[in-house]
Amino acid sequence: MKLFDDERHRQYMGQGNKQILANLKRLSDAGAVLYLRLIMVDGVNTDGDRDIRPFQDWLQAQQIRVEMIHLLPYHELGRHKYEALQRPFQLFRHHRPERPGLPGGAGSVVLYHGRSSHPVQRRR
């Protein structure tokens, strides 16, 4: 999932995120340990109050158990795979900041790490 807001997800990804959110809930309810990786695209989904906080609030309200959330910078490392498959590689139109770190720079940020308030009960 790139954006929590369904309309904005549809605008940038070409489809909504309702199925993704339903799958997160279903996996959590089944006891899966979830490690989420959110690709951060500067100017698209890096506003904490608009893009990240609502997703965190939804996870909590839905009692979705998350072990870790990684915020990862957008990169173009997959370009060669598309070229090898003779498929067009479409970039996000965004401003890449010159400063290192998120968004746009190397490395990642762990937004959440550890046991959630709803511990996972592992099946044997």
Foldseek 3Di string as FASTA:
>chain_A
DAFPPQVLCCVPVVGGCPVVVVVQLVCQVVQHEAEAEHEDAPPRADDCVHTPVVVVVVCVVSVRKYAWYKYAEDDDVCVVVCVVVVHDDDDDPGDQDPDADPHNHDDIDIPDHHTDPRGGDDDD
